[in-house]
Amino acid sequence: MNQINQIRCQSTEQLQEALGHIWEVEVTQSGPGPIETLLTATQLGDCLVYESDSNQALLCSGKRSDDFWTISPITRRCVGGRFRGQQLNEGQILVLDPGGEVYQQIPAGYHQQAVSIPLHLAERIVQAEHQTSAEAMWERWCLKSDPRVTAQVARMLERFLSEPVSLDTETVSDAGMELAGRMIALVQEARQVRHARANLAQRRRIVRRAEALIRSRLDNPPSVTDLCEVTHASRRLLFYAFNELLGRSPVKHAKILRLHAARRRILARSQERCVQQIGFDLGFWHPGQFAIDYARLFGEAPSMTRLRNHRKGRIDPSVLPMQKSAGVCG
C-alpha cells in the first residue's frame, strides 16, 4: 500500500522548505497577496509521485537533483506555465534528466503532477527493456507532445495520489520498478520531440549572469547598465531574456528578490524590533514605501509578519516521503 502525505504551505518560505526535499530551488511570488500551496506525495519503492496546487503566481529557479529523472504530464489544469522559456501546452510531457537549471513560471491556480525515478533504476530499465542508453532516449531534456500518452500518464499518477493502491507486485520495491517501467514505456511512445532552441541557451546565460550580480548586491541593486555590462547584452535582449525565462523585467525581479530577502530576515529576527532597519539594510531607503511594496507582494505589513511568526511552527519535512529528487513543481 502506498501512503499519501500532504503539506499545506502558506508562505514561500514553507513551500521552499518542503521543496528542499525535491529540488534545490528558490521560490518567489510573481503575484500579490497571501500564498496557499498544497503538496501531495506518495512513494513507491524509490520512486516519488507528487503533485502541487497553488493559488498564487510563482517563480521557481534553481537546480534539479543529479540522481533522478522526472516525468510530468501537462494537462488542462497546468496549461499556461513556462519552463526554461518554453510555453507548456496541454498534451505535452516534460521529460527532465538529472541536474540542470530550473526556470519555471507557475500561474495562479496551477495544478501539476510528476514522478521522479532514480537514475540507476531508469538506466537499468532503459538498457534492459528498450535496448538503448538513457542518453540516447532522453538526451539533455526534452518536451514531447502526445495527448494520448499524456492522458495515460496523468491518469496513472492521479490514481496513486487519490487513494492508497497496490500494484500486482510482491514488494514495495517491485512496485516502484513496475511504475517506473510503465512510465518510461509510455514516454518512449510519445511523438514530436522538441529541443530547446539555441537562442534560449543564450538567454539562460544572460539571466544567470545578471541574477548572480543582483544577488551579490541586494543592498545596492545594480542598474540596467550594470546588468548589460556584466551580461554583454543589449538593454532590449536583457529585458527579453528576463521576460521569457522569469516573466519579469530585471528591475522588478531585483525588487522581488530584495523583498523576499527582507521577509526571510524578518522571520529570522522576529524577536527584535528591526523591521525598518532590515529595509534600510536592503536598500529600501523610504520606510513608508518599503511597507507599501512589502504589503502589496505578501498581503501583510512587515510588522505583521514579525508579530505572527512566533505563533507559527516550522513545517516538518518528514511529513512527505521525499528523498532529494529531480522535481517539477506547479
C-alpha atoms as a PDB file:
ATOM      1  CA  MET A   1       0.000   0.000   0.000  1.00  0.00           C
ATOM      2  CA  ASN A   2       1.240   3.481  -0.723  1.00  0.00           C
ATOM      3  CA  GLN A   3       0.848   6.138   1.967  1.00  0.00           C
ATOM      4  CA  ILE A   4      -0.349   9.544   0.803  1.00  0.00           C
ATOM      5  CA  ASN A   5       1.007  12.591   2.637  1.00  0.00           C
ATOM      6  CA  GLN A   6       0.229  16.291   2.354  1.00  0.00           C
ATOM      7  CA  ILE A   7       1.732  19.621   3.371  1.00  0.00           C
ATOM      8  CA  ARG A   8      -0.207  22.876   3.162  1.00  0.00           C
ATOM      9  CA  CYS A   9       2.158  25.824   2.750  1.00  0.00           C
ATOM     10  CA  GLN A  10       1.045  29.378   3.485  1.00  0.00           C
ATOM     11  CA  SER A  11       4.270  31.166   2.635  1.00  0.00           C
ATOM     12  CA  THR A  12       7.058  30.871   0.107  1.00  0.00           C
ATOM     13  CA  GLU A  13       9.387  30.030   2.997  1.00  0.00           C
ATOM     14  CA  GLN A  14       7.309  26.973   3.933  1.00  0.00           C
ATOM     15  CA  LEU A  15       6.994  25.934   0.302  1.00  0.00           C
ATOM     16  CA  GLN A  16      10.715  26.299  -0.284  1.00  0.00           C
ATOM     17  CA  GLU A  17      11.461  24.256   2.831  1.00  0.00           C
ATOM     18  CA  ALA A  18       9.156  21.490   1.618  1.00  0.00           C
ATOM     19  CA  LEU A  19      10.617  21.598  -1.885  1.00  0.00           C
ATOM     20  CA  GLY A  20      14.107  21.298  -0.437  1.00  0.00           C
ATOM     21  CA  HIS A  21      13.468  17.544  -0.366  1.00  0.00           C
ATOM     22  CA  ILE A  22      12.638  17.579  -4.076  1.00  0.00           C
ATOM     23  CA  TRP A  23      14.969  20.079  -5.734  1.00  0.00           C
ATOM     24  CA  GLU A  24      17.251  22.968  -4.880  1.00  0.00           C
ATOM     25  CA  VAL A  25      15.118  25.960  -5.815  1.00  0.00           C
ATOM     26  CA  GLU A  26      14.251  29.429  -4.630  1.00  0.00           C
ATOM     27  CA  VAL A  27      10.540  30.200  -4.761  1.00  0.00           C
ATOM     28  CA  THR A  28       9.417  33.802  -5.161  1.00  0.00           C
ATOM     29  CA  GLN A  29       5.993  35.308  -5.714  1.00  0.00           C
ATOM     30  CA  SER A  30       5.095  36.837  -9.053  1.00  0.00           C
ATOM     31  CA  GLY A  31       1.635  37.958  -7.990  1.00  0.00           C
ATOM     32  CA  PRO A  32       0.457  39.906  -4.939  1.00  0.00           C
ATOM     33  CA  GLY A  33      -1.292  38.530  -1.878  1.00  0.00           C
ATOM     34  CA  PRO A  34      -1.106  35.576   0.534  1.00  0.00           C
ATOM     35  CA  ILE A  35       0.040  32.218  -0.783  1.00  0.00           C
ATOM     36  CA  GLU A  36      -1.524  28.817  -0.217  1.00  0.00           C
ATOM     37  CA  THR A  37       0.025  25.762  -1.834  1.00  0.00           C
ATOM     38  CA  LEU A  38      -0.871  22.126  -1.238  1.00  0.00           C
ATOM     39  CA  LEU A  39       1.807  19.484  -1.823  1.00  0.00           C
ATOM     40  CA  THR A  40       0.708  15.843  -2.025  1.00  0.00           C
ATOM     41  CA  ALA A  41       3.148  12.948  -2.337  1.00  0.00           C
ATOM     42  CA  THR A  42       3.444   9.195  -2.142  1.00  0.00           C
ATOM     43  CA  GLN A  43       6.445   6.918  -2.514  1.00  0.00           C
ATOM     44  CA  LEU A  44       6.619   3.517  -4.213  1.00  0.00           C
ATOM     45  CA  GLY A  45       9.978   1.919  -3.683  1.00  0.00           C
ATOM     46  CA  ASP A  46      12.496   4.578  -4.688  1.00  0.00           C
ATOM     47  CA  CYS A  47      10.046   6.391  -6.981  1.00  0.00           C
ATOM     48  CA  LEU A  48       8.245   9.517  -5.817  1.00  0.00           C
ATOM     49  CA  VAL A  49       4.833  10.538  -7.175  1.00  0.00           C
ATOM     50  CA  TYR A  50       3.702  14.032  -6.258  1.00  0.00           C
ATOM     51  CA  GLU A  51       1.519  16.978  -7.212  1.00  0.00           C
ATOM     52  CA  SER A  52       1.086  20.593  -6.209  1.00  0.00           C
ATOM     53  CA  ASP A  53      -1.676  23.181  -6.324  1.00  0.00           C
ATOM     54  CA  SER A  54      -1.026  26.895  -5.835  1.00  0.00           C
ATOM     55  CA  ASN A  55      -3.361  29.872  -5.594  1.00  0.00           C
ATOM     56  CA  GLN A  56      -0.522  32.251  -6.378  1.00  0.00           C
ATOM     57  CA  ALA A  57       1.670  33.007  -9.381  1.00  0.00           C
ATOM     58  CA  LEU A  58       5.189  31.819  -8.508  1.00  0.00           C
ATOM     59  CA  LEU A  59       8.653  31.556  -9.977  1.00  0.00           C
ATOM     60  CA  CYS A  60      10.887  28.580  -9.166  1.00  0.00           C
ATOM     61  CA  SER A  61      14.560  28.923 -10.017  1.00  0.00           C
ATOM     62  CA  GLY A  62      17.452  26.704  -9.078  1.00  0.00           C
ATOM     63  CA  LYS A  63      18.745  23.232  -9.932  1.00  0.00           C
ATOM     64  CA  ARG A  64      17.374  19.719 -10.183  1.00  0.00           C
ATOM     65  CA  SER A  65      18.971  16.812  -8.339  1.00  0.00           C
ATOM     66  CA  ASP A  66      21.683  14.831 -10.104  1.00  0.00           C
ATOM     67  CA  ASP A  67      20.131  11.493  -9.100  1.00  0.00           C
ATOM     68  CA  PHE A  68      16.651  11.406 -10.630  1.00  0.00           C
ATOM     69  CA  TRP A  69      14.719  11.528 -13.898  1.00  0.00           C
ATOM     70  CA  THR A  70      11.385  13.359 -13.744  1.00  0.00           C
ATOM     71  CA  ILE A  71       8.316  12.919 -15.954  1.00  0.00           C
ATOM     72  CA  SER A  72       5.478  15.440 -15.759  1.00  0.00           C
ATOM     73  CA  PRO A  73       2.321  15.426 -17.921  1.00  0.00           C
ATOM     74  CA  ILE A  74       0.958  18.810 -18.984  1.00  0.00           C
ATOM     75  CA  THR A  75      -2.816  18.614 -18.606  1.00  0.00           C
ATOM     76  CA  ARG A  76      -5.552  21.224 -18.841  1.00  0.00           C
ATOM     77  CA  ARG A  77      -5.037  22.041 -15.160  1.00  0.00           C
ATOM     78  CA  CYS A  78      -1.447  23.187 -15.703  1.00  0.00           C
ATOM     79  CA  VAL A  79      -1.671  24.936 -19.056  1.00  0.00           C
ATOM     80  CA  GLY A  80      -0.175  28.415 -19.187  1.00  0.00           C
ATOM     81  CA  GLY A  81       3.056  27.773 -17.339  1.00  0.00           C
ATOM     82  CA  ARG A  82       6.516  28.143 -18.827  1.00  0.00           C
ATOM     83  CA  PHE A  83       9.605  26.025 -18.283  1.00  0.00           C
ATOM     84  CA  ARG A  84      13.030  27.382 -19.241  1.00  0.00           C
ATOM     85  CA  GLY A  85      11.400  29.881 -21.543  1.00  0.00           C
ATOM     86  CA  GLN A  86       9.096  27.454 -23.346  1.00  0.00           C
ATOM     87  CA  GLN A  87       5.323  27.647 -23.137  1.00  0.00           C
ATOM     88  CA  LEU A  88       3.734  24.464 -21.738  1.00  0.00           C
ATOM     89  CA  ASN A  89       0.638  23.329 -23.638  1.00  0.00           C
ATOM     90  CA  GLU A  90      -1.981  20.682 -22.946  1.00  0.00           C
ATOM     91  CA  GLY A  91      -0.970  17.240 -24.211  1.00  0.00           C
ATOM     92  CA  GLN A  92       2.758  17.735 -23.757  1.00  0.00           C
ATOM     93  CA  ILE A  93       5.090  15.833 -21.427  1.00  0.00           C
ATOM     94  CA  LEU A  94       8.108  17.316 -19.697  1.00  0.00           C
ATOM     95  CA  VAL A  95      10.961  14.811 -19.546  1.00  0.00           C
ATOM     96  CA  LEU A  96      13.771  16.074 -17.340  1.00  0.00           C
ATOM     97  CA  ASP A  97      17.143  14.458 -16.824  1.00  0.00           C
ATOM     98  CA  PRO A  98      19.285  14.851 -13.687  1.00  0.00           C
ATOM     99  CA  GLY A  99      20.801  18.242 -12.923  1.00  0.00           C
ATOM    100  CA  GLY A 100      20.333  21.339 -14.987  1.00  0.00           C
ATOM    101  CA  GLU A 101      18.785  24.720 -14.431  1.00  0.00           C
ATOM    102  CA  VAL A 102      15.203  25.267 -13.386  1.00  0.00           C
ATOM    103  CA  TYR A 103      13.323  28.337 -14.524  1.00  0.00           C
ATOM    104  CA  GLN A 104       9.643  27.566 -14.093  1.00  0.00           C
ATOM    105  CA  GLN A 105       6.878  30.151 -14.186  1.00  0.00           C
ATOM    106  CA  ILE A 106       3.755  28.974 -12.379  1.00  0.00           C
ATOM    107  CA  PRO A 107       0.484  30.853 -12.936  1.00  0.00           C
ATOM    108  CA  ALA A 108      -2.125  31.158 -10.198  1.00  0.00           C
ATOM    109  CA  GLY A 109      -4.400  28.122  -9.962  1.00  0.00           C
ATOM    110  CA  TYR A 110      -1.732  25.810 -11.386  1.00  0.00           C
ATOM    111  CA  HIS A 111      -2.012  22.061 -10.707  1.00  0.00           C
ATOM    112  CA  GLN A 112       0.812  19.766 -11.780  1.00  0.00           C
ATOM    113  CA  GLN A 113       1.755  16.137 -11.228  1.00  0.00           C
ATOM    114  CA  ALA A 114       5.105  14.419 -11.638  1.00  0.00           C
ATOM    115  CA  VAL A 115       7.012  11.226 -10.949  1.00  0.00           C
ATOM    116  CA  SER A 116      10.721  11.141 -10.127  1.00  0.00           C
ATOM    117  CA  ILE A 117      12.614   7.929 -10.937  1.00  0.00           C
ATOM    118  CA  PRO A 118      16.078   7.197  -9.516  1.00  0.00           C
ATOM    119  CA  LEU A 119      18.777   7.452 -12.179  1.00  0.00           C
ATOM    120  CA  HIS A 120      20.134   3.952 -11.560  1.00  0.00           C
ATOM    121  CA  LEU A 121      16.659   2.459 -11.950  1.00  0.00           C
ATOM    122  CA  ALA A 122      15.851   4.460 -15.100  1.00  0.00           C
ATOM    123  CA  GLU A 123      19.148   3.435 -16.714  1.00  0.00           C
ATOM    124  CA  ARG A 124      18.574  -0.222 -15.857  1.00  0.00           C
ATOM    125  CA  ILE A 125      15.060  -0.207 -17.349  1.00  0.00           C
ATOM    126  CA  VAL A 126      16.083   1.679 -20.488  1.00  0.00           C
ATOM    127  CA  GLN A 127      19.015  -0.619 -21.178  1.00  0.00           C
ATOM    128  CA  ALA A 128      17.195  -3.902 -20.404  1.00  0.00           C
ATOM    129  CA  GLU A 129      13.701  -3.194 -21.756  1.00  0.00           C
ATOM    130  CA  HIS A 130      14.421  -0.798 -24.608  1.00  0.00           C
ATOM    131  CA  GLN A 131      17.918  -1.911 -25.631  1.00  0.00           C
ATOM    132  CA  THR A 132      19.323   1.610 -25.695  1.00  0.00           C
ATOM    133  CA  SER A 133      21.129   4.058 -23.431  1.00  0.00           C
ATOM    134  CA  ALA A 134      19.488   6.615 -21.198  1.00  0.00           C
ATOM    135  CA  GLU A 135      21.374   9.362 -23.042  1.00  0.00           C
ATOM    136  CA  ALA A 136      20.038   8.238 -26.398  1.00  0.00           C
ATOM    137  CA  MET A 137      16.467   8.088 -25.142  1.00  0.00           C
ATOM    138  CA  TRP A 138      16.260  11.212 -23.039  1.00  0.00           C
ATOM    139  CA  GLU A 139      19.107  13.403 -24.248  1.00  0.00           C
ATOM    140  CA  ARG A 140      19.630  16.524 -22.119  1.00  0.00           C
ATOM    141  CA  TRP A 141      15.981  17.440 -21.639  1.00  0.00           C
ATOM    142  CA  CYS A 142      13.003  17.441 -23.934  1.00  0.00           C
ATOM    143  CA  LEU A 143       9.389  18.357 -24.371  1.00  0.00           C
ATOM    144  CA  LYS A 144       7.252  15.711 -26.054  1.00  0.00           C
ATOM    145  CA  SER A 145       3.784  16.183 -27.478  1.00  0.00           C
ATOM    146  CA  ASP A 146       1.295  13.316 -27.468  1.00  0.00           C
ATOM    147  CA  PRO A 147      -2.161  13.911 -25.920  1.00  0.00           C
ATOM    148  CA  ARG A 148      -2.926  10.178 -25.745  1.00  0.00           C
ATOM    149  CA  VAL A 149       0.241   9.336 -23.822  1.00  0.00           C
ATOM    150  CA  THR A 150      -0.104  12.437 -21.648  1.00  0.00           C
ATOM    151  CA  ALA A 151      -3.624  11.398 -20.638  1.00  0.00           C
ATOM    152  CA  GLN A 152      -2.439   7.894 -19.724  1.00  0.00           C
ATOM    153  CA  VAL A 153       0.439   9.189 -17.622  1.00  0.00           C
ATOM    154  CA  ALA A 154      -1.836  11.693 -15.871  1.00  0.00           C
ATOM    155  CA  ARG A 155      -4.457   9.036 -15.073  1.00  0.00           C
ATOM    156  CA  MET A 156      -1.847   6.738 -13.595  1.00  0.00           C
ATOM    157  CA  LEU A 157      -0.377   9.466 -11.373  1.00  0.00           C
ATOM    158  CA  GLU A 158      -3.848  10.597 -10.319  1.00  0.00           C
ATOM    159  CA  ARG A 159      -4.658   7.040  -9.289  1.00  0.00           C
ATOM    160  CA  PHE A 160      -1.677   6.836  -6.962  1.00  0.00           C
ATOM    161  CA  LEU A 161      -2.290  10.282  -5.475  1.00  0.00           C
ATOM    162  CA  SER A 162      -6.029   9.953  -4.875  1.00  0.00           C
ATOM    163  CA  GLU A 163      -6.136   6.835  -2.705  1.00  0.00           C
ATOM    164  CA  PRO A 164      -3.804   4.087  -1.454  1.00  0.00           C
ATOM    165  CA  VAL A 165      -3.478   1.397  -4.127  1.00  0.00           C
ATOM    166  CA  SER A 166      -1.329  -1.639  -4.777  1.00  0.00           C
ATOM    167  CA  LEU A 167       0.282  -2.809  -7.989  1.00  0.00           C
ATOM    168  CA  ASP A 168       0.439  -6.504  -8.801  1.00  0.00           C
ATOM    169  CA  THR A 169       3.815  -6.910  -7.151  1.00  0.00           C
ATOM    170  CA  GLU A 170       5.079  -8.649  -4.050  1.00  0.00           C
ATOM    171  CA  THR A 171       7.146  -5.827  -2.541  1.00  0.00           C
ATOM    172  CA  VAL A 172       7.172  -2.037  -2.420  1.00  0.00           C
ATOM    173  CA  SER A 173      10.481  -2.067  -4.278  1.00  0.00           C
ATOM    174  CA  ASP A 174       8.923  -4.131  -7.072  1.00  0.00           C
ATOM    175  CA  ALA A 175       6.016  -1.672  -7.184  1.00  0.00           C
ATOM    176  CA  GLY A 176       8.442   1.183  -7.746  1.00  0.00           C
ATOM    177  CA  MET A 177      10.172  -0.698 -10.550  1.00  0.00           C
ATOM    178  CA  GLU A 178       6.830  -1.564 -12.175  1.00  0.00           C
ATOM    179  CA  LEU A 179       5.693   2.064 -12.012  1.00  0.00           C
ATOM    180  CA  ALA A 180       8.993   3.290 -13.475  1.00  0.00           C
ATOM    181  CA  GLY A 181       8.843   0.702 -16.251  1.00  0.00           C
ATOM    182  CA  ARG A 182       5.320   1.700 -17.242  1.00  0.00           C
ATOM    183  CA  MET A 183       6.149   5.412 -17.242  1.00  0.00           C
ATOM    184  CA  ILE A 184       9.299   5.017 -19.326  1.00  0.00           C
ATOM    185  CA  ALA A 185       7.478   2.792 -21.826  1.00  0.00           C
ATOM    186  CA  LEU A 186       4.695   5.353 -22.214  1.00  0.00           C
ATOM    187  CA  VAL A 187       7.078   8.261 -22.717  1.00  0.00           C
ATOM    188  CA  GLN A 188       9.084   6.207 -25.199  1.00  0.00           C
ATOM    189  CA  GLU A 189       5.917   6.026 -27.329  1.00  0.00           C
ATOM    190  CA  ALA A 190       5.368   9.796 -27.286  1.00  0.00           C
ATOM    191  CA  ARG A 191       5.955  11.692 -30.507  1.00  0.00           C
ATOM    192  CA  GLN A 192       7.218  15.065 -31.696  1.00  0.00           C
ATOM    193  CA  VAL A 193      10.283  15.607 -29.564  1.00  0.00           C
ATOM    194  CA  ARG A 194      11.154  19.282 -29.376  1.00  0.00           C
ATOM    195  CA  HIS A 195      14.529  20.545 -28.253  1.00  0.00           C
ATOM    196  CA  ALA A 196      15.373  23.846 -26.615  1.00  0.00           C
ATOM    197  CA  ARG A 197      16.274  26.468 -29.194  1.00  0.00           C
ATOM    198  CA  ALA A 198      19.867  27.670 -29.286  1.00  0.00           C
ATOM    199  CA  ASN A 199      18.840  31.241 -28.518  1.00  0.00           C
ATOM    200  CA  LEU A 200      17.191  30.033 -25.310  1.00  0.00           C
ATOM    201  CA  ALA A 201      20.574  28.796 -24.113  1.00  0.00           C
ATOM    202  CA  GLN A 202      21.986  32.274 -24.734  1.00  0.00           C
ATOM    203  CA  ARG A 203      19.134  33.884 -22.791  1.00  0.00           C
ATOM    204  CA  ARG A 204      19.656  31.489 -19.890  1.00  0.00           C
ATOM    205  CA  ARG A 205      23.299  32.567 -19.738  1.00  0.00           C
ATOM    206  CA  ILE A 206      22.237  36.219 -19.710  1.00  0.00           C
ATOM    207  CA  VAL A 207      19.752  35.671 -16.891  1.00  0.00           C
ATOM    208  CA  ARG A 208      22.199  33.542 -14.920  1.00  0.00           C
ATOM    209  CA  ARG A 209      24.934  36.197 -15.032  1.00  0.00           C
ATOM    210  CA  ALA A 210      22.534  39.044 -14.292  1.00  0.00           C
ATOM    211  CA  GLU A 211      20.993  37.155 -11.351  1.00  0.00           C
ATOM    212  CA  ALA A 212      24.425  36.490  -9.872  1.00  0.00           C
ATOM    213  CA  LEU A 213      25.149  40.218  -9.824  1.00  0.00           C
ATOM    214  CA  ILE A 214      21.707  41.094  -8.418  1.00  0.00           C
ATOM    215  CA  ARG A 215      22.049  38.562  -5.596  1.00  0.00           C
ATOM    216  CA  SER A 216      25.534  39.786  -4.728  1.00  0.00           C
ATOM    217  CA  ARG A 217      24.211  43.331  -4.374  1.00  0.00           C
ATOM    218  CA  LEU A 218      20.802  43.045  -2.720  1.00  0.00           C
ATOM    219  CA  ASP A 219      21.681  46.041  -0.542  1.00  0.00           C
ATOM    220  CA  ASN A 220      22.681  48.104  -3.577  1.00  0.00           C
ATOM    221  CA  PRO A 221      20.773  46.807  -6.612  1.00  0.00           C
ATOM    222  CA  PRO A 222      22.645  47.106  -9.903  1.00  0.00           C
ATOM    223  CA  SER A 223      21.359  49.403 -12.629  1.00  0.00           C
ATOM    224  CA  VAL A 224      20.248  48.194 -16.054  1.00  0.00           C
ATOM    225  CA  THR A 225      23.569  49.494 -17.362  1.00  0.00           C
ATOM    226  CA  ASP A 226      25.444  47.367 -14.804  1.00  0.00           C
ATOM    227  CA  LEU A 227      23.470  44.299 -15.903  1.00  0.00           C
ATOM    228  CA  CYS A 228      24.109  44.971 -19.582  1.00  0.00           C
ATOM    229  CA  GLU A 229      27.840  45.289 -18.892  1.00  0.00           C
ATOM    230  CA  VAL A 230      28.104  42.043 -16.940  1.00  0.00           C
ATOM    231  CA  THR A 231      25.986  40.059 -19.437  1.00  0.00           C
ATOM    232  CA  HIS A 232      27.337  41.699 -22.610  1.00  0.00           C
ATOM    233  CA  ALA A 233      23.708  42.039 -23.738  1.00  0.00           C
ATOM    234  CA  SER A 234      21.812  45.000 -25.087  1.00  0.00           C
ATOM    235  CA  ARG A 235      19.040  46.502 -22.989  1.00  0.00           C
ATOM    236  CA  ARG A 236      16.437  45.014 -25.327  1.00  0.00           C
ATOM    237  CA  LEU A 237      17.946  41.500 -25.195  1.00  0.00           C
ATOM    238  CA  LEU A 238      18.355  41.712 -21.414  1.00  0.00           C
ATOM    239  CA  PHE A 239      14.680  42.569 -20.890  1.00  0.00           C
ATOM    240  CA  TYR A 240      13.586  39.969 -23.431  1.00  0.00           C
ATOM    241  CA  ALA A 241      15.584  37.216 -21.724  1.00  0.00           C
ATOM    242  CA  PHE A 242      14.171  38.071 -18.282  1.00  0.00           C
ATOM    243  CA  ASN A 243      10.587  38.264 -19.505  1.00  0.00           C
ATOM    244  CA  GLU A 244      10.878  34.977 -21.392  1.00  0.00           C
ATOM    245  CA  LEU A 245      12.501  32.949 -18.610  1.00  0.00           C
ATOM    246  CA  LEU A 246      11.222  34.667 -15.466  1.00  0.00           C
ATOM    247  CA  GLY A 247       8.149  36.563 -16.582  1.00  0.00           C
ATOM    248  CA  ARG A 248       9.574  39.731 -15.003  1.00  0.00           C
ATOM    249  CA  SER A 249      11.741  42.643 -16.005  1.00  0.00           C
ATOM    250  CA  PRO A 250      15.259  42.773 -14.480  1.00  0.00           C
ATOM    251  CA  VAL A 251      14.233  45.730 -12.291  1.00  0.00           C
ATOM    252  CA  LYS A 252      11.098  44.003 -10.991  1.00  0.00           C
ATOM    253  CA  HIS A 253      12.973  40.744 -10.414  1.00  0.00           C
ATOM    254  CA  ALA A 254      15.631  42.534  -8.355  1.00  0.00           C
ATOM    255  CA  LYS A 255      12.943  44.220  -6.268  1.00  0.00           C
ATOM    256  CA  ILE A 256      11.091  40.946  -5.633  1.00  0.00           C
ATOM    257  CA  LEU A 257      14.328  39.215  -4.591  1.00  0.00           C
ATOM    258  CA  ARG A 258      15.056  42.057  -2.142  1.00  0.00           C
ATOM    259  CA  LEU A 259      11.537  41.908  -0.682  1.00  0.00           C
ATOM    260  CA  HIS A 260      11.836  38.143  -0.206  1.00  0.00           C
ATOM    261  CA  ALA A 261      15.234  38.638   1.425  1.00  0.00           C
ATOM    262  CA  ALA A 262      13.629  41.184   3.754  1.00  0.00           C
ATOM    263  CA  ARG A 263      10.889  38.719   4.664  1.00  0.00           C
ATOM    264  CA  ARG A 264      13.409  35.981   5.449  1.00  0.00           C
ATOM    265  CA  ARG A 265      15.364  38.349   7.700  1.00  0.00           C
ATOM    266  CA  ILE A 266      12.205  39.496   9.477  1.00  0.00           C
ATOM    267  CA  LEU A 267      11.238  35.877  10.120  1.00  0.00           C
ATOM    268  CA  ALA A 268      14.729  35.049  11.368  1.00  0.00           C
ATOM    269  CA  ARG A 269      14.773  38.081  13.708  1.00  0.00           C
ATOM    270  CA  SER A 270      11.130  38.172  14.757  1.00  0.00           C
ATOM    271  CA  GLN A 271      12.047  38.721  18.410  1.00  0.00           C
ATOM    272  CA  GLU A 272      13.688  42.035  17.515  1.00  0.00           C
ATOM    273  CA  ARG A 273      12.068  45.333  16.596  1.00  0.00           C
ATOM    274  CA  CYS A 274      14.143  45.644  13.468  1.00  0.00           C
ATOM    275  CA  VAL A 275      11.753  45.899  10.535  1.00  0.00           C
ATOM    276  CA  GLN A 276      12.821  49.380   9.387  1.00  0.00           C
ATOM    277  CA  GLN A 277      16.496  48.549   9.803  1.00  0.00           C
ATOM    278  CA  ILE A 278      16.100  45.431   7.666  1.00  0.00           C
ATOM    279  CA  GLY A 279      14.566  47.599   4.984  1.00  0.00           C
ATOM    280  CA  PHE A 280      17.475  50.033   5.191  1.00  0.00           C
ATOM    281  CA  ASP A 281      19.982  47.157   5.002  1.00  0.00           C
ATOM    282  CA  LEU A 282      18.428  46.032   1.719  1.00  0.00           C
ATOM    283  CA  GLY A 283      18.429  49.446   0.122  1.00  0.00           C
ATOM    284  CA  PHE A 284      14.829  50.448   0.872  1.00  0.00           C
ATOM    285  CA  TRP A 285      15.555  53.992   1.986  1.00  0.00           C
ATOM    286  CA  HIS A 286      11.935  55.102   2.480  1.00  0.00           C
ATOM    287  CA  PRO A 287      10.228  53.089   5.276  1.00  0.00           C
ATOM    288  CA  GLY A 288       6.749  54.028   4.096  1.00  0.00           C
ATOM    289  CA  GLN A 289       7.353  52.857   0.530  1.00  0.00           C
ATOM    290  CA  PHE A 290       9.055  49.697   1.789  1.00  0.00           C
ATOM    291  CA  ALA A 291       5.963  48.859   3.842  1.00  0.00           C
ATOM    292  CA  ILE A 292       3.693  49.524   0.842  1.00  0.00           C
ATOM    293  CA  ASP A 293       5.755  47.381  -1.527  1.00  0.00           C
ATOM    294  CA  TYR A 294       6.039  44.597   1.047  1.00  0.00           C
ATOM    295  CA  ALA A 295       2.294  44.543   1.775  1.00  0.00           C
ATOM    296  CA  ARG A 296       1.463  44.638  -1.930  1.00  0.00           C
ATOM    297  CA  LEU A 297       3.526  41.485  -2.541  1.00  0.00           C
ATOM    298  CA  PHE A 298       2.856  39.452   0.613  1.00  0.00           C
ATOM    299  CA  GLY A 299      -0.585  40.673   1.638  1.00  0.00           C
ATOM    300  CA  GLU A 300       0.530  41.917   5.055  1.00  0.00           C
ATOM    301  CA  ALA A 301       2.690  44.637   6.574  1.00  0.00           C
ATOM    302  CA  PRO A 302       6.291  43.801   7.585  1.00  0.00           C
ATOM    303  CA  SER A 303       5.384  44.348  11.237  1.00  0.00           C
ATOM    304  CA  MET A 304       2.552  41.821  10.946  1.00  0.00           C
ATOM    305  CA  THR A 305       4.966  39.218   9.575  1.00  0.00           C
ATOM    306  CA  ARG A 306       7.157  39.746  12.630  1.00  0.00           C
ATOM    307  CA  LEU A 307       4.251  39.563  15.088  1.00  0.00           C
ATOM    308  CA  ARG A 308       2.693  36.465  13.572  1.00  0.00           C
ATOM    309  CA  ASN A 309       5.888  34.481  13.193  1.00  0.00           C
ATOM    310  CA  HIS A 310       6.291  33.392  16.823  1.00  0.00           C
ATOM    311  CA  ARG A 311       2.828  31.800  16.731  1.00  0.00           C
ATOM    312  CA  LYS A 312       3.687  29.557  13.781  1.00  0.00           C
ATOM    313  CA  GLY A 313       5.905  26.475  13.941  1.00  0.00           C
ATOM    314  CA  ARG A 314       8.129  25.254  11.174  1.00  0.00           C
ATOM    315  CA  ILE A 315       6.809  22.532   8.886  1.00  0.00           C
ATOM    316  CA  ASP A 316       8.002  19.003   9.425  1.00  0.00           C
ATOM    317  CA  PRO A 317       9.750  17.838   6.243  1.00  0.00           C
ATOM    318  CA  SER A 318       9.348  14.220   7.351  1.00  0.00           C
ATOM    319  CA  VAL A 319       5.615  14.508   6.659  1.00  0.00           C
ATOM    320  CA  LEU A 320       6.357  13.939   2.974  1.00  0.00           C
ATOM    321  CA  PRO A 321       8.145  10.725   1.981  1.00  0.00           C
ATOM    322  CA  MET A 322      10.644  12.655  -0.111  1.00  0.00           C
ATOM    323  CA  GLN A 323      14.201  11.833  -0.902  1.00  0.00           C
ATOM    324  CA  LYS A 324      16.063  14.554  -2.760  1.00  0.00           C
ATOM    325  CA  SER A 325      14.752  14.105  -6.290  1.00  0.00           C
ATOM    326  CA  ALA A 326      14.543  15.983  -9.549  1.00  0.00           C
ATOM    327  CA  GLY A 327      11.182  17.624  -9.279  1.00  0.00           C
ATOM    328  CA  VAL A 328       8.840  19.793 -11.207  1.00  0.00           C
ATOM    329  CA  CYS A 329       6.505  21.759  -9.077  1.00  0.00           C
ATOM    330  CA  GLY A 330       3.487  23.634 -10.174  1.00  0.00           C
END
